[in-house]
C-alpha atoms as a PDB file:
ATOM      1  CA  MET A   1      21.179   8.283 -12.430  1.00  0.00           C
ATOM      2  CA  ASP A   2      24.325   8.169 -11.703  1.00  0.00           C
ATOM      3  CA  GLU A   3      25.201   5.257  -9.681  1.00  0.00           C
ATOM      4  CA  GLY A   4      27.805   6.852  -8.044  1.00  0.00           C
ATOM      5  CA  GLN A   5      25.913   9.748  -6.759  1.00  0.00           C
ATOM      6  CA  PRO A   6      24.061   8.854  -2.913  1.00  0.00           C
ATOM      7  CA  GLN A   7      20.349   8.610  -2.792  1.00  0.00           C
ATOM      8  CA  ALA A   8      18.832  10.304   0.573  1.00  0.00           C
ATOM      9  CA  PRO A   9      15.988   7.852   1.838  1.00  0.00           C
ATOM     10  CA  LEU A  10      12.577   7.939   0.130  1.00  0.00           C
ATOM     11  CA  ARG A  11      10.025   9.506   2.108  1.00  0.00           C
ATOM     12  CA  LEU A  12       6.599   7.600   1.383  1.00  0.00           C
ATOM     13  CA  ASP A  13       3.716   9.213   2.676  1.00  0.00           C
ATOM     14  CA  VAL A  14       0.575   7.303   2.288  1.00  0.00           C
ATOM     15  CA  VAL A  15      -3.108   8.701   3.009  1.00  0.00           C
ATOM     16  CA  SER A  16      -5.471   5.916   3.516  1.00  0.00           C
ATOM     17  CA  LEU A  17      -8.241   4.741   5.749  1.00  0.00           C
ATOM     18  CA  PHE A  18      -6.752   1.349   5.897  1.00  0.00           C
ATOM     19  CA  PRO A  19      -3.351   2.160   7.766  1.00  0.00           C
ATOM     20  CA  GLN A  20      -3.389  -1.981   8.552  1.00  0.00           C
ATOM     21  CA  ALA A  21      -3.015  -2.743   5.275  1.00  0.00           C
ATOM     22  CA  PHE A  22       0.566  -1.500   4.741  1.00  0.00           C
ATOM     23  CA  HIS A  23       1.746  -3.382   7.542  1.00  0.00           C
ATOM     24  CA  MET A  24       3.092  -6.192   5.177  1.00  0.00           C
ATOM     25  CA  LEU A  25       5.324  -4.253   3.496  1.00  0.00           C
ATOM     26  CA  TYR A  26       7.760  -4.558   5.981  1.00  0.00           C
ATOM     27  CA  GLY A  27       7.795  -8.453   5.484  1.00  0.00           C
ATOM     28  CA  LEU A  28       7.985  -8.308   1.632  1.00  0.00           C
ATOM     29  CA  GLY A  29      11.712  -9.335   0.948  1.00  0.00           C
ATOM     30  CA  VAL A  30      13.999  -7.068  -0.294  1.00  0.00           C
ATOM     31  CA  ILE A  31      11.172  -4.303   0.461  1.00  0.00           C
ATOM     32  CA  GLY A  32      10.992  -5.216   4.055  1.00  0.00           C
ATOM     33  CA  ARG A  33      14.799  -5.278   4.247  1.00  0.00           C
ATOM     34  CA  ALA A  34      15.080  -1.681   2.465  1.00  0.00           C
ATOM     35  CA  PHE A  35      12.755  -0.463   5.278  1.00  0.00           C
ATOM     36  CA  ALA A  36      15.134  -2.350   8.266  1.00  0.00           C
ATOM     37  CA  ALA A  37      18.260  -0.745   6.436  1.00  0.00           C
ATOM     38  CA  GLY A  38      16.859   2.924   6.284  1.00  0.00           C
ATOM     39  CA  LEU A  39      16.595   3.121   2.504  1.00  0.00           C
ATOM     40  CA  ALA A  40      12.883   4.182   2.787  1.00  0.00           C
ATOM     41  CA  GLU A  41      10.700   5.340   5.212  1.00  0.00           C
ATOM     42  CA  LEU A  42       6.718   4.593   5.168  1.00  0.00           C
ATOM     43  CA  TYR A  43       4.366   7.012   7.026  1.00  0.00           C
ATOM     44  CA  ILE A  44       0.404   6.800   7.175  1.00  0.00           C
ATOM     45  CA  HIS A  45      -2.035   9.517   7.420  1.00  0.00           C
ATOM     46  CA  ASN A  46      -5.837   8.698   8.138  1.00  0.00           C
ATOM     47  CA  PRO A  47      -8.204  10.890   6.965  1.00  0.00           C
ATOM     48  CA  ARG A  48     -10.114   9.915   9.825  1.00  0.00           C
ATOM     49  CA  ASP A  49      -7.888  11.601  12.218  1.00  0.00           C
ATOM     50  CA  PHE A  50      -8.844  14.966  10.185  1.00  0.00           C
ATOM     51  CA  ALA A  51     -12.358  14.892   9.968  1.00  0.00           C
ATOM     52  CA  PRO A  52     -14.244  16.509  12.381  1.00  0.00           C
ATOM     53  CA  GLY A  53     -17.299  15.533  14.933  1.00  0.00           C
ATOM     54  CA  PRO A  54     -17.482  12.772  17.379  1.00  0.00           C
ATOM     55  CA  HIS A  55     -17.858  10.035  14.453  1.00  0.00           C
ATOM     56  CA  HIS A  56     -14.938  11.601  12.197  1.00  0.00           C
ATOM     57  CA  LYS A  57     -17.346  10.903   9.244  1.00  0.00           C
ATOM     58  CA  VAL A  58     -15.225  10.910   6.026  1.00  0.00           C
ATOM     59  CA  ASP A  59     -17.732  10.340   3.512  1.00  0.00           C
ATOM     60  CA  ASP A  60     -21.077  11.437   2.189  1.00  0.00           C
ATOM     61  CA  SER A  61     -23.910  10.867  -0.299  1.00  0.00           C
ATOM     62  CA  PRO A  62     -23.293  12.257  -3.900  1.00  0.00           C
ATOM     63  CA  TYR A  63     -24.826  15.477  -5.021  1.00  0.00           C
ATOM     64  CA  GLY A  64     -27.409  14.522  -7.491  1.00  0.00           C
ATOM     65  CA  GLY A  65     -28.057  10.754  -6.207  1.00  0.00           C
ATOM     66  CA  GLY A  66     -26.802   7.684  -7.232  1.00  0.00           C
ATOM     67  CA  ALA A  67     -25.279   4.819  -5.188  1.00  0.00           C
ATOM     68  CA  GLY A  68     -22.752   4.359  -2.892  1.00  0.00           C
ATOM     69  CA  MET A  69     -20.806   6.787  -0.747  1.00  0.00           C
ATOM     70  CA  VAL A  70     -18.428   9.366  -1.829  1.00  0.00           C
ATOM     71  CA  LEU A  71     -14.682  10.319  -0.087  1.00  0.00           C
ATOM     72  CA  LYS A  72     -15.263  14.167   1.381  1.00  0.00           C
ATOM     73  CA  PRO A  73     -12.543  16.581   0.164  1.00  0.00           C
ATOM     74  CA  GLU A  74     -12.076  18.474   4.033  1.00  0.00           C
ATOM     75  CA  PRO A  75     -10.394  15.424   5.696  1.00  0.00           C
ATOM     76  CA  VAL A  76      -8.058  14.125   2.594  1.00  0.00           C
ATOM     77  CA  PHE A  77      -7.141  17.981   1.838  1.00  0.00           C
ATOM     78  CA  ALA A  78      -5.938  17.996   5.727  1.00  0.00           C
ATOM     79  CA  ALA A  79      -4.165  14.879   5.625  1.00  0.00           C
ATOM     80  CA  VAL A  80      -1.944  15.909   2.760  1.00  0.00           C
ATOM     81  CA  GLU A  81      -1.421  19.615   3.773  1.00  0.00           C
ATOM     82  CA  SER A  82      -0.254  18.368   7.282  1.00  0.00           C
ATOM     83  CA  ILE A  83       2.342  16.671   5.429  1.00  0.00           C
ATOM     84  CA  PRO A  84       5.986  17.696   5.569  1.00  0.00           C
ATOM     85  CA  VAL A  85       6.955  18.923   2.181  1.00  0.00           C
ATOM     86  CA  GLY A  86      10.359  17.031   1.090  1.00  0.00           C
ATOM     87  CA  HIS A  87      12.721  17.469  -1.977  1.00  0.00           C
ATOM     88  CA  GLY A  88      11.376  16.521  -4.783  1.00  0.00           C
ATOM     89  CA  ARG A  89       7.979  15.641  -3.985  1.00  0.00           C
ATOM     90  CA  ARG A  90       5.510  14.195  -6.105  1.00  0.00           C
ATOM     91  CA  VAL A  91       1.801  13.590  -4.913  1.00  0.00           C
ATOM     92  CA  LEU A  92       0.178  10.772  -6.678  1.00  0.00           C
ATOM     93  CA  LEU A  93      -3.668   9.600  -6.452  1.00  0.00           C
ATOM     94  CA  MET A  94      -4.339   5.664  -7.186  1.00  0.00           C
ATOM     95  CA  CYS A  95      -7.821   6.138  -9.275  1.00  0.00           C
ATOM     96  CA  PRO A  96      -9.330   3.585 -11.949  1.00  0.00           C
ATOM     97  CA  GLN A  97      -9.497   6.611 -14.191  1.00  0.00           C
ATOM     98  CA  GLY A  98      -5.834   7.500 -14.092  1.00  0.00           C
ATOM     99  CA  ARG A  99      -3.235   6.355 -16.528  1.00  0.00           C
ATOM    100  CA  PRO A 100      -1.395   2.604 -16.158  1.00  0.00           C
ATOM    101  CA  PHE A 101       1.222   2.379 -13.944  1.00  0.00           C
ATOM    102  CA  CYS A 102       4.205   1.213 -15.691  1.00  0.00           C
ATOM    103  CA  GLN A 103       8.030   0.533 -15.549  1.00  0.00           C
ATOM    104  CA  ALA A 104       9.020   3.883 -17.144  1.00  0.00           C
ATOM    105  CA  ASP A 105       6.996   5.439 -14.226  1.00  0.00           C
ATOM    106  CA  ALA A 106       8.897   3.753 -11.672  1.00  0.00           C
ATOM    107  CA  GLN A 107      11.830   4.458 -13.064  1.00  0.00           C
ATOM    108  CA  ARG A 108      11.560   8.000 -13.620  1.00  0.00           C
ATOM    109  CA  LEU A 109       9.572   8.056  -9.702  1.00  0.00           C
ATOM    110  CA  ALA A 110      12.924   6.320  -8.365  1.00  0.00           C
ATOM    111  CA  ALA A 111      15.514   8.212  -9.919  1.00  0.00           C
ATOM    112  CA  ASN A 112      13.780  11.855  -9.544  1.00  0.00           C
ATOM    113  CA  HIS A 113      11.964  12.187  -6.344  1.00  0.00           C
ATOM    114  CA  ASP A 114      12.905  11.366  -3.073  1.00  0.00           C
ATOM    115  CA  GLN A 115       9.101  11.968  -1.424  1.00  0.00           C
ATOM    116  CA  LEU A 116       5.832  10.313  -2.761  1.00  0.00           C
ATOM    117  CA  VAL A 117       2.903  11.305  -1.189  1.00  0.00           C
ATOM    118  CA  ILE A 118       0.085   8.481  -2.515  1.00  0.00           C
ATOM    119  CA  VAL A 119      -3.214   9.335  -1.564  1.00  0.00           C
ATOM    120  CA  CYS A 120      -5.729   6.228  -2.035  1.00  0.00           C
ATOM    121  CA  GLY A 121      -9.536   6.309  -3.115  1.00  0.00           C
ATOM    122  CA  HIS A 122     -12.518   4.390  -1.351  1.00  0.00           C
ATOM    123  CA  TYR A 123     -16.243   3.995  -1.470  1.00  0.00           C
ATOM    124  CA  GLU A 124     -17.990   4.742  -4.691  1.00  0.00           C
ATOM    125  CA  GLY A 125     -15.314   7.668  -5.372  1.00  0.00           C
ATOM    126  CA  ILE A 126     -13.762  10.455  -4.311  1.00  0.00           C
ATOM    127  CA  ASP A 127     -14.754  14.081  -4.447  1.00  0.00           C
ATOM    128  CA  GLU A 128     -14.000  15.889  -7.785  1.00  0.00           C
ATOM    129  CA  ARG A 129     -12.024  18.383  -5.920  1.00  0.00           C
ATOM    130  CA  ILE A 130      -9.097  15.714  -4.573  1.00  0.00           C
ATOM    131  CA  ARG A 131      -7.843  15.461  -7.793  1.00  0.00           C
ATOM    132  CA  SER A 132      -6.440  19.278  -7.242  1.00  0.00           C
ATOM    133  CA  LEU A 133      -3.960  17.904  -5.037  1.00  0.00           C
ATOM    134  CA  ALA A 134      -2.022  15.345  -7.259  1.00  0.00           C
ATOM    135  CA  ASP A 135       0.320  15.683  -9.686  1.00  0.00           C
ATOM    136  CA  GLU A 136      -0.488  12.703 -11.545  1.00  0.00           C
ATOM    137  CA  GLU A 137      -3.266  10.005 -11.202  1.00  0.00           C
ATOM    138  CA  LEU A 138      -2.283   6.190 -11.801  1.00  0.00           C
ATOM    139  CA  CYS A 139      -3.941   3.061 -12.149  1.00  0.00           C
ATOM    140  CA  VAL A 140      -2.761  -0.690 -12.119  1.00  0.00           C
ATOM    141  CA  GLY A 141      -4.758  -1.830 -14.945  1.00  0.00           C
ATOM    142  CA  ASP A 142      -8.486  -1.716 -16.277  1.00  0.00           C
ATOM    143  CA  VAL A 143     -10.224  -3.076 -13.291  1.00  0.00           C
ATOM    144  CA  VAL A 144     -12.100  -1.655 -10.169  1.00  0.00           C
ATOM    145  CA  LEU A 145     -10.900  -2.366  -6.855  1.00  0.00           C
ATOM    146  CA  THR A 146     -12.507  -1.521  -3.460  1.00  0.00           C
ATOM    147  CA  GLY A 147      -9.887   0.843  -2.668  1.00  0.00           C
ATOM    148  CA  GLY A 148      -6.428   2.731  -3.760  1.00  0.00           C
ATOM    149  CA  GLU A 149      -4.283   0.518  -0.949  1.00  0.00           C
ATOM    150  CA  ILE A 150      -3.554  -2.089  -3.505  1.00  0.00           C
ATOM    151  CA  PRO A 151      -2.395  -0.553  -6.035  1.00  0.00           C
ATOM    152  CA  ALA A 152      -0.765   1.983  -3.889  1.00  0.00           C
ATOM    153  CA  MET A 153       1.654  -0.948  -2.842  1.00  0.00           C
ATOM    154  CA  ALA A 154       2.565  -2.310  -6.007  1.00  0.00           C
ATOM    155  CA  VAL A 155       3.618   1.288  -6.874  1.00  0.00           C
ATOM    156  CA  ILE A 156       5.830   1.344  -3.516  1.00  0.00           C
ATOM    157  CA  ASN A 157       7.027  -2.175  -4.718  1.00  0.00           C
ATOM    158  CA  GLY A 158       7.884  -0.960  -8.150  1.00  0.00           C
ATOM    159  CA  VAL A 159      10.027   2.370  -6.998  1.00  0.00           C
ATOM    160  CA  LEU A 160      11.471   1.209  -3.997  1.00  0.00           C
ATOM    161  CA  ARG A 161      13.073  -2.038  -5.622  1.00  0.00           C
ATOM    162  CA  LEU A 162      14.743   0.711  -7.982  1.00  0.00           C
ATOM    163  CA  ARG A 163      16.298   2.694  -5.348  1.00  0.00           C
ATOM    164  CA  ARG A 164      20.059   2.276  -4.798  1.00  0.00           C
ATOM    165  CA  GLY A 165      20.814  -0.912  -2.211  1.00  0.00           C
ATOM    166  CA  THR A 166      17.550  -2.210  -2.654  1.00  0.00           C
ATOM    167  CA  VAL A 167      18.417  -4.958  -4.962  1.00  0.00           C
ATOM    168  CA  GLY A 168      21.943  -6.802  -4.349  1.00  0.00           C
ATOM    169  CA  ARG A 169      23.021  -6.652  -7.887  1.00  0.00           C
ATOM    170  CA  ALA A 170      21.979  -3.663 -10.127  1.00  0.00           C
ATOM    171  CA  GLU A 171      22.928  -5.647 -13.144  1.00  0.00           C
ATOM    172  CA  SER A 172      19.872  -7.821 -12.895  1.00  0.00           C
ATOM    173  CA  LEU A 173      17.694  -4.546 -12.765  1.00  0.00           C
ATOM    174  CA  ARG A 174      18.910  -3.639 -16.482  1.00  0.00           C
ATOM    175  CA  GLN A 175      17.724  -6.833 -18.193  1.00  0.00           C
ATOM    176  CA  GLU A 176      14.633  -7.342 -16.828  1.00  0.00           C
ATOM    177  CA  SER A 177      10.966  -7.026 -18.566  1.00  0.00           C
ATOM    178  CA  PHE A 178      10.365  -3.718 -20.038  1.00  0.00           C
ATOM    179  CA  CYS A 179      14.167  -2.395 -19.885  1.00  0.00           C
ATOM    180  CA  GLN A 180      14.825  -1.284 -23.416  1.00  0.00           C
ATOM    181  CA  GLY A 181      11.370  -1.706 -24.665  1.00  0.00           C
ATOM    182  CA  LEU A 182      11.538  -5.666 -24.314  1.00  0.00           C
ATOM    183  CA  LEU A 183      10.504  -8.628 -22.147  1.00  0.00           C
ATOM    184  CA  GLU A 184      13.134 -10.674 -19.995  1.00  0.00           C
ATOM    185  CA  TYR A 185      14.721 -13.543 -21.445  1.00  0.00           C
ATOM    186  CA  PRO A 186      13.593 -17.394 -20.152  1.00  0.00           C
ATOM    187  CA  HIS A 187      15.448 -18.515 -16.995  1.00  0.00           C
ATOM    188  CA  TYR A 188      16.876 -22.185 -16.027  1.00  0.00           C
ATOM    189  CA  THR A 189      18.304 -23.937 -13.334  1.00  0.00           C
ATOM    190  CA  ARG A 190      18.950 -27.549 -11.962  1.00  0.00           C
ATOM    191  CA  PRO A 191      18.189 -29.969 -12.761  1.00  0.00           C
ATOM    192  CA  ARG A 192      18.702 -29.777 -16.192  1.00  0.00           C
ATOM    193  CA  VAL A 193      16.188 -32.360 -17.153  1.00  0.00           C
ATOM    194  CA  PHE A 194      12.857 -32.305 -15.310  1.00  0.00           C
ATOM    195  CA  ARG A 195       9.541 -34.035 -16.427  1.00  0.00           C
ATOM    196  CA  GLY A 196      11.035 -34.373 -20.019  1.00  0.00           C
ATOM    197  CA  MET A 197      11.440 -30.526 -20.348  1.00  0.00           C
ATOM    198  CA  GLU A 198      15.699 -29.533 -20.772  1.00  0.00           C
ATOM    199  CA  ALA A 199      17.286 -26.421 -20.407  1.00  0.00           C
ATOM    200  CA  PRO A 200      19.047 -25.394 -23.612  1.00  0.00           C
ATOM    201  CA  GLY A 201      22.366 -26.634 -24.562  1.00  0.00           C
ATOM    202  CA  VAL A 202      23.848 -23.162 -24.952  1.00  0.00           C
ATOM    203  CA  LEU A 203      23.276 -21.869 -21.212  1.00  0.00           C
ATOM    204  CA  CYS A 204      25.552 -24.898 -20.252  1.00  0.00           C
ATOM    205  CA  SER A 205      28.104 -24.568 -22.875  1.00  0.00           C
ATOM    206  CA  GLY A 206      30.058 -21.928 -21.195  1.00  0.00           C
ATOM    207  CA  ASP A 207      30.456 -19.674 -24.549  1.00  0.00           C
ATOM    208  CA  HIS A 208      29.528 -16.100 -22.917  1.00  0.00           C
ATOM    209  CA  GLY A 209      28.892 -14.621 -26.595  1.00  0.00           C
ATOM    210  CA  ALA A 210      26.805 -17.485 -27.332  1.00  0.00           C
ATOM    211  CA  ILE A 211      24.437 -16.702 -24.093  1.00  0.00           C
ATOM    212  CA  ALA A 212      24.539 -13.263 -24.704  1.00  0.00           C
ATOM    213  CA  ARG A 213      22.929 -13.553 -27.978  1.00  0.00           C
ATOM    214  CA  TRP A 214      20.605 -16.179 -27.322  1.00  0.00           C
ATOM    215  CA  ARG A 215      19.190 -14.271 -24.333  1.00  0.00           C
ATOM    216  CA  GLN A 216      18.969 -11.229 -26.621  1.00  0.00           C
ATOM    217  CA  ASP A 217      17.123 -13.104 -29.556  1.00  0.00           C
ATOM    218  CA  GLN A 218      14.637 -14.760 -26.687  1.00  0.00           C
ATOM    219  CA  ARG A 219      13.784 -11.339 -25.302  1.00  0.00           C
ATOM    220  CA  GLU A 220      13.268 -10.165 -28.878  1.00  0.00           C
ATOM    221  CA  GLN A 221      10.848 -13.012 -29.848  1.00  0.00           C
ATOM    222  CA  ARG A 222       9.255 -13.181 -27.003  1.00  0.00           C
ATOM    223  CA  THR A 223       7.900  -9.392 -26.837  1.00  0.00           C
ATOM    224  CA  ARG A 224       7.128 -10.285 -30.787  1.00  0.00           C
ATOM    225  CA  ARG A 225       4.967 -12.938 -29.459  1.00  0.00           C
ATOM    226  CA  ARG A 226       3.564 -11.711 -26.275  1.00  0.00           C
ATOM    227  CA  ARG A 227       3.586  -7.861 -26.232  1.00  0.00           C
ATOM    228  CA  PRO A 228       4.313  -6.744 -30.090  1.00  0.00           C
ATOM    229  CA  GLU A 229       2.896  -3.287 -29.084  1.00  0.00           C
ATOM    230  CA  LEU A 230       5.884  -2.872 -27.191  1.00  0.00           C
ATOM    231  CA  LEU A 231       8.164  -2.851 -30.363  1.00  0.00           C
ATOM    232  CA  ARG A 232       6.066  -0.003 -32.034  1.00  0.00           C
ATOM    233  CA  PRO A 233       7.269   3.437 -31.684  1.00  0.00           C
ATOM    234  CA  GLN A 234       6.111   5.397 -28.555  1.00  0.00           C
ATOM    235  CA  PRO A 235       4.711   8.923 -28.546  1.00  0.00           C
ATOM    236  CA  GLU A 236       6.327  11.691 -26.958  1.00  0.00           C
ATOM    237  CA  PRO A 237       5.175  11.939 -23.063  1.00  0.00           C
END
């Protein structure tokens, strides 16, 4: 992304049965300040508002039998179709069967899209036809949660922090974990010695070249030790 090129506010449209879950984003440090500054706009669309009948029923028992209830397609389709289509729109479905969300996804979505529509599943599962609404399906790991709200907030956090103006110093985003395929180097601050644990002397030396070399070496060592798979050649997407 060209750092001199202005970015439009990021429009976030979330389809969720639990709109209140997203209120916490407004008080979440730099993410909350990004909303307050107009760098992003959040809209929540509740499928219940699009469900017919006095009870606004959004789930039903699965064909073929089985435990649990399934999220019906009609209210979800209606909710998504009610959302205005903005520039570079991308529809994401948060689902345990999706591809794990990673830093490369956050960078891609932050750079290329000014509107993200995020659909949150719930109950035992979703009607399979809902998948046709999505451009891609994402998850936050090999774990099943009660709904897609927490994964959706993780995506919002990961993408919005990369939008221009959210983080005060853009330089801090260039050497963090997963950038250039490496984990971030260790950080230390005062006091220099704490409970017998001492900050590395090179960091206090004032030799910026030595500090840069130490940090790069630490990134490589830490990645090799903790996440060696990051050092292997990655397949083309």
